[in-house]
């Protein structure tokens, strides 16, 4: 499982000109489910999203999590994170999870982040989405659950 995590002042996602998810201060998270991902990857990713200390404390150090600041999370499924661009000019998606399994694992990540007490907004799985954000910093991290080993 891969994620791009951005600290944002605001973010929103539209599907067919309708806003389906919107947050103020918090995290915009794109999640790509791989074909070998499982419950352990879900737990790892959800915990990292909730506990990653990337917000500044009073001393200006990244020492606070989205939970600490009582922020929100906009969590968007993005299979293109599993794209392999090493060969040729067109990405390959052999490592992307099958849609039915990927949707289930994505929904589990959403549920676990909500269970942690955070306000979570989402896009729509497999929809063409327009995402807008005001990145704070910019602060952007790439996270892979395989790095948990």
C-alpha atoms as a PDB file:
ATOM      1  CA  UNK A   1       0.000   0.000   0.000  1.00  0.00           C
ATOM      2  CA  UNK A   2       1.280   3.415  -0.911  1.00  0.00           C
ATOM      3  CA  UNK A   3       0.160   6.842   0.211  1.00  0.00           C
ATOM      4  CA  UNK A   4       0.937  10.445  -0.555  1.00  0.00           C
ATOM      5  CA  UNK A   5       0.221  12.497   2.545  1.00  0.00           C
ATOM      6  CA  UNK A   6      -0.058  16.275   2.313  1.00  0.00           C
ATOM      7  CA  UNK A   7      -0.540  18.770   5.121  1.00  0.00           C
ATOM      8  CA  UNK A   8      -3.264  21.126   3.916  1.00  0.00           C
ATOM      9  CA  UNK A   9      -5.104  24.250   4.978  1.00  0.00           C
ATOM     10  CA  UNK A  10      -8.064  23.013   2.927  1.00  0.00           C
ATOM     11  CA  UNK A  11      -8.923  20.361   0.361  1.00  0.00           C
ATOM     12  CA  UNK A  12     -11.945  19.206  -1.592  1.00  0.00           C
ATOM     13  CA  UNK A  13     -12.882  16.586  -4.155  1.00  0.00           C
ATOM     14  CA  UNK A  14     -15.539  16.802  -6.855  1.00  0.00           C
ATOM     15  CA  UNK A  15     -17.213  14.081  -8.893  1.00  0.00           C
ATOM     16  CA  UNK A  16     -19.293  15.229 -11.876  1.00  0.00           C
ATOM     17  CA  UNK A  17     -19.215  18.857 -10.600  1.00  0.00           C
ATOM     18  CA  UNK A  18     -20.528  17.830  -7.157  1.00  0.00           C
ATOM     19  CA  UNK A  19     -18.368  18.308  -4.053  1.00  0.00           C
ATOM     20  CA  UNK A  20     -18.343  14.881  -2.386  1.00  0.00           C
ATOM     21  CA  UNK A  21     -15.677  15.572   0.244  1.00  0.00           C
ATOM     22  CA  UNK A  22     -14.234  18.716   1.792  1.00  0.00           C
ATOM     23  CA  UNK A  23     -12.009  19.540   4.769  1.00  0.00           C
ATOM     24  CA  UNK A  24     -10.277  22.473   6.345  1.00  0.00           C
ATOM     25  CA  UNK A  25      -7.001  22.114   8.277  1.00  0.00           C
ATOM     26  CA  UNK A  26      -5.679  18.562   8.154  1.00  0.00           C
ATOM     27  CA  UNK A  27      -4.401  15.938   5.747  1.00  0.00           C
ATOM     28  CA  UNK A  28      -5.077  15.161   2.113  1.00  0.00           C
ATOM     29  CA  UNK A  29      -4.173  11.503   1.638  1.00  0.00           C
ATOM     30  CA  UNK A  30      -4.042   9.616  -1.657  1.00  0.00           C
ATOM     31  CA  UNK A  31      -3.963   5.827  -1.113  1.00  0.00           C
ATOM     32  CA  UNK A  32      -2.982   3.239  -3.714  1.00  0.00           C
ATOM     33  CA  UNK A  33      -3.809  -0.377  -2.925  1.00  0.00           C
ATOM     34  CA  UNK A  34      -1.429  -3.037  -4.243  1.00  0.00           C
ATOM     35  CA  UNK A  35      -2.261  -6.597  -5.257  1.00  0.00           C
ATOM     36  CA  UNK A  36      -0.371  -8.023  -2.258  1.00  0.00           C
ATOM     37  CA  UNK A  37      -1.858  -5.696   0.374  1.00  0.00           C
ATOM     38  CA  UNK A  38      -3.720  -7.119   3.349  1.00  0.00           C
ATOM     39  CA  UNK A  39      -5.105  -6.284   6.807  1.00  0.00           C
ATOM     40  CA  UNK A  40      -1.619  -5.589   8.191  1.00  0.00           C
ATOM     41  CA  UNK A  41      -1.080  -2.955   5.506  1.00  0.00           C
ATOM     42  CA  UNK A  42      -4.448  -1.398   6.378  1.00  0.00           C
ATOM     43  CA  UNK A  43      -3.534  -1.193  10.067  1.00  0.00           C
ATOM     44  CA  UNK A  44      -0.071   0.199   9.344  1.00  0.00           C
ATOM     45  CA  UNK A  45      -1.391   2.885   6.989  1.00  0.00           C
ATOM     46  CA  UNK A  46      -4.314   3.937   9.174  1.00  0.00           C
ATOM     47  CA  UNK A  47      -2.093   4.252  12.240  1.00  0.00           C
ATOM     48  CA  UNK A  48       0.513   6.288  10.332  1.00  0.00           C
ATOM     49  CA  UNK A  49      -2.146   8.631   8.930  1.00  0.00           C
ATOM     50  CA  UNK A  50      -3.479   9.292  12.427  1.00  0.00           C
ATOM     51  CA  UNK A  51      -0.178   9.518  14.290  1.00  0.00           C
ATOM     52  CA  UNK A  52       2.377  10.970  11.850  1.00  0.00           C
ATOM     53  CA  UNK A  53       3.729  14.111  13.538  1.00  0.00           C
ATOM     54  CA  UNK A  54       3.895  16.621  10.693  1.00  0.00           C
ATOM     55  CA  UNK A  55       2.145  19.640  12.198  1.00  0.00           C
ATOM     56  CA  UNK A  56       4.126  22.326  13.970  1.00  0.00           C
ATOM     57  CA  UNK A  57       4.029  22.836  17.713  1.00  0.00           C
ATOM     58  CA  UNK A  58       4.420  26.243  19.409  1.00  0.00           C
ATOM     59  CA  UNK A  59       8.183  26.050  18.874  1.00  0.00           C
ATOM     60  CA  UNK A  60       7.799  25.543  15.125  1.00  0.00           C
ATOM     61  CA  UNK A  61       8.861  21.876  15.166  1.00  0.00           C
ATOM     62  CA  UNK A  62       6.931  19.122  13.419  1.00  0.00           C
ATOM     63  CA  UNK A  63       5.776  17.497  16.607  1.00  0.00           C
ATOM     64  CA  UNK A  64       1.981  17.202  16.360  1.00  0.00           C
ATOM     65  CA  UNK A  65      -0.267  14.718  14.574  1.00  0.00           C
ATOM     66  CA  UNK A  66      -3.576  15.381  12.839  1.00  0.00           C
ATOM     67  CA  UNK A  67      -5.187  13.935  15.980  1.00  0.00           C
ATOM     68  CA  UNK A  68      -3.300  16.409  18.186  1.00  0.00           C
ATOM     69  CA  UNK A  69      -4.513  19.410  16.183  1.00  0.00           C
ATOM     70  CA  UNK A  70      -8.034  17.979  15.848  1.00  0.00           C
ATOM     71  CA  UNK A  71      -7.752  18.213  12.094  1.00  0.00           C
ATOM     72  CA  UNK A  72      -9.617  16.346   9.394  1.00  0.00           C
ATOM     73  CA  UNK A  73      -8.575  13.871   6.717  1.00  0.00           C
ATOM     74  CA  UNK A  74      -9.613  13.782   3.069  1.00  0.00           C
ATOM     75  CA  UNK A  75      -8.821  10.204   2.003  1.00  0.00           C
ATOM     76  CA  UNK A  76      -8.879   9.470  -1.726  1.00  0.00           C
ATOM     77  CA  UNK A  77      -8.276   6.144  -3.428  1.00  0.00           C
ATOM     78  CA  UNK A  78      -5.693   6.525  -6.214  1.00  0.00           C
ATOM     79  CA  UNK A  79      -4.651   3.342  -8.022  1.00  0.00           C
ATOM     80  CA  UNK A  80      -2.123   5.258 -10.146  1.00  0.00           C
ATOM     81  CA  UNK A  81       0.188   5.309  -7.115  1.00  0.00           C
ATOM     82  CA  UNK A  82       0.792   1.657  -7.976  1.00  0.00           C
ATOM     83  CA  UNK A  83       1.907   2.581 -11.483  1.00  0.00           C
ATOM     84  CA  UNK A  84       5.336   1.447 -12.617  1.00  0.00           C
ATOM     85  CA  UNK A  85       7.065   4.004 -14.849  1.00  0.00           C
ATOM     86  CA  UNK A  86      10.480   2.331 -15.056  1.00  0.00           C
ATOM     87  CA  UNK A  87      10.109   0.872 -18.548  1.00  0.00           C
ATOM     88  CA  UNK A  88       8.826   2.587 -21.643  1.00  0.00           C
ATOM     89  CA  UNK A  89       6.705   5.699 -21.634  1.00  0.00           C
ATOM     90  CA  UNK A  90       3.393   4.319 -20.452  1.00  0.00           C
ATOM     91  CA  UNK A  91       2.912   3.281 -16.805  1.00  0.00           C
ATOM     92  CA  UNK A  92       2.161  -0.356 -16.046  1.00  0.00           C
ATOM     93  CA  UNK A  93      -0.387  -1.219 -13.391  1.00  0.00           C
ATOM     94  CA  UNK A  94       0.320  -4.914 -12.790  1.00  0.00           C
ATOM     95  CA  UNK A  95       0.923  -4.255  -9.080  1.00  0.00           C
ATOM     96  CA  UNK A  96      -2.419  -2.455  -8.552  1.00  0.00           C
ATOM     97  CA  UNK A  97      -4.984  -4.348  -6.524  1.00  0.00           C
ATOM     98  CA  UNK A  98      -8.060  -5.810  -8.173  1.00  0.00           C
ATOM     99  CA  UNK A  99     -10.900  -3.269  -7.811  1.00  0.00           C
ATOM    100  CA  UNK A 100     -13.168  -5.355  -5.553  1.00  0.00           C
ATOM    101  CA  UNK A 101     -10.371  -6.169  -3.099  1.00  0.00           C
ATOM    102  CA  UNK A 102      -8.833  -2.697  -3.340  1.00  0.00           C
ATOM    103  CA  UNK A 103     -12.154  -1.032  -2.533  1.00  0.00           C
ATOM    104  CA  UNK A 104     -12.614  -3.239   0.511  1.00  0.00           C
ATOM    105  CA  UNK A 105      -9.112  -2.464   1.848  1.00  0.00           C
ATOM    106  CA  UNK A 106      -9.541   1.262   1.110  1.00  0.00           C
ATOM    107  CA  UNK A 107     -12.841   1.279   3.031  1.00  0.00           C
ATOM    108  CA  UNK A 108     -11.090  -0.455   5.940  1.00  0.00           C
ATOM    109  CA  UNK A 109      -8.452   2.306   6.042  1.00  0.00           C
ATOM    110  CA  UNK A 110     -11.243   4.904   6.066  1.00  0.00           C
ATOM    111  CA  UNK A 111     -13.059   3.065   8.872  1.00  0.00           C
ATOM    112  CA  UNK A 112      -9.920   2.724  11.025  1.00  0.00           C
ATOM    113  CA  UNK A 113      -9.064   6.416  10.694  1.00  0.00           C
ATOM    114  CA  UNK A 114     -12.660   7.285  11.648  1.00  0.00           C
ATOM    115  CA  UNK A 115     -12.495   4.886  14.610  1.00  0.00           C
ATOM    116  CA  UNK A 116      -9.502   6.905  15.840  1.00  0.00           C
ATOM    117  CA  UNK A 117     -11.918   9.818  16.260  1.00  0.00           C
ATOM    118  CA  UNK A 118     -10.995  11.846  13.193  1.00  0.00           C
ATOM    119  CA  UNK A 119     -13.397  13.513  10.781  1.00  0.00           C
ATOM    120  CA  UNK A 120     -12.811  11.695   7.484  1.00  0.00           C
ATOM    121  CA  UNK A 121     -14.127  12.767   4.102  1.00  0.00           C
ATOM    122  CA  UNK A 122     -13.628  10.678   0.963  1.00  0.00           C
ATOM    123  CA  UNK A 123     -13.809  10.727  -2.785  1.00  0.00           C
ATOM    124  CA  UNK A 124     -15.624   8.037  -4.757  1.00  0.00           C
ATOM    125  CA  UNK A 125     -13.888   4.784  -5.532  1.00  0.00           C
ATOM    126  CA  UNK A 126     -13.131   4.352  -9.273  1.00  0.00           C
ATOM    127  CA  UNK A 127     -14.666   7.746 -10.130  1.00  0.00           C
ATOM    128  CA  UNK A 128     -12.994  10.456 -12.170  1.00  0.00           C
ATOM    129  CA  UNK A 129     -12.334  13.129  -9.533  1.00  0.00           C
ATOM    130  CA  UNK A 130     -11.137  16.710  -9.427  1.00  0.00           C
ATOM    131  CA  UNK A 131      -9.118  17.409  -6.297  1.00  0.00           C
ATOM    132  CA  UNK A 132      -8.316  20.896  -5.047  1.00  0.00           C
ATOM    133  CA  UNK A 133      -5.985  21.648  -2.164  1.00  0.00           C
ATOM    134  CA  UNK A 134      -4.066  24.393  -0.444  1.00  0.00           C
ATOM    135  CA  UNK A 135      -0.867  22.658   0.653  1.00  0.00           C
ATOM    136  CA  UNK A 136       0.550  23.985   3.918  1.00  0.00           C
ATOM    137  CA  UNK A 137       4.323  24.258   3.754  1.00  0.00           C
ATOM    138  CA  UNK A 138       4.375  22.542   1.315  1.00  0.00           C
ATOM    139  CA  UNK A 139       4.609  19.431   3.447  1.00  0.00           C
ATOM    140  CA  UNK A 140       4.267  16.194   1.470  1.00  0.00           C
ATOM    141  CA  UNK A 141       5.358  12.663   2.375  1.00  0.00           C
ATOM    142  CA  UNK A 142       5.334   9.368   0.500  1.00  0.00           C
ATOM    143  CA  UNK A 143       4.625   6.318   2.631  1.00  0.00           C
ATOM    144  CA  UNK A 144       4.749   2.626   1.741  1.00  0.00           C
ATOM    145  CA  UNK A 145       3.414  -0.039   4.047  1.00  0.00           C
ATOM    146  CA  UNK A 146       6.110  -2.432   2.855  1.00  0.00           C
ATOM    147  CA  UNK A 147       8.565  -0.186   4.734  1.00  0.00           C
ATOM    148  CA  UNK A 148       7.077  -1.490   8.007  1.00  0.00           C
ATOM    149  CA  UNK A 149       9.407  -4.504   7.798  1.00  0.00           C
END
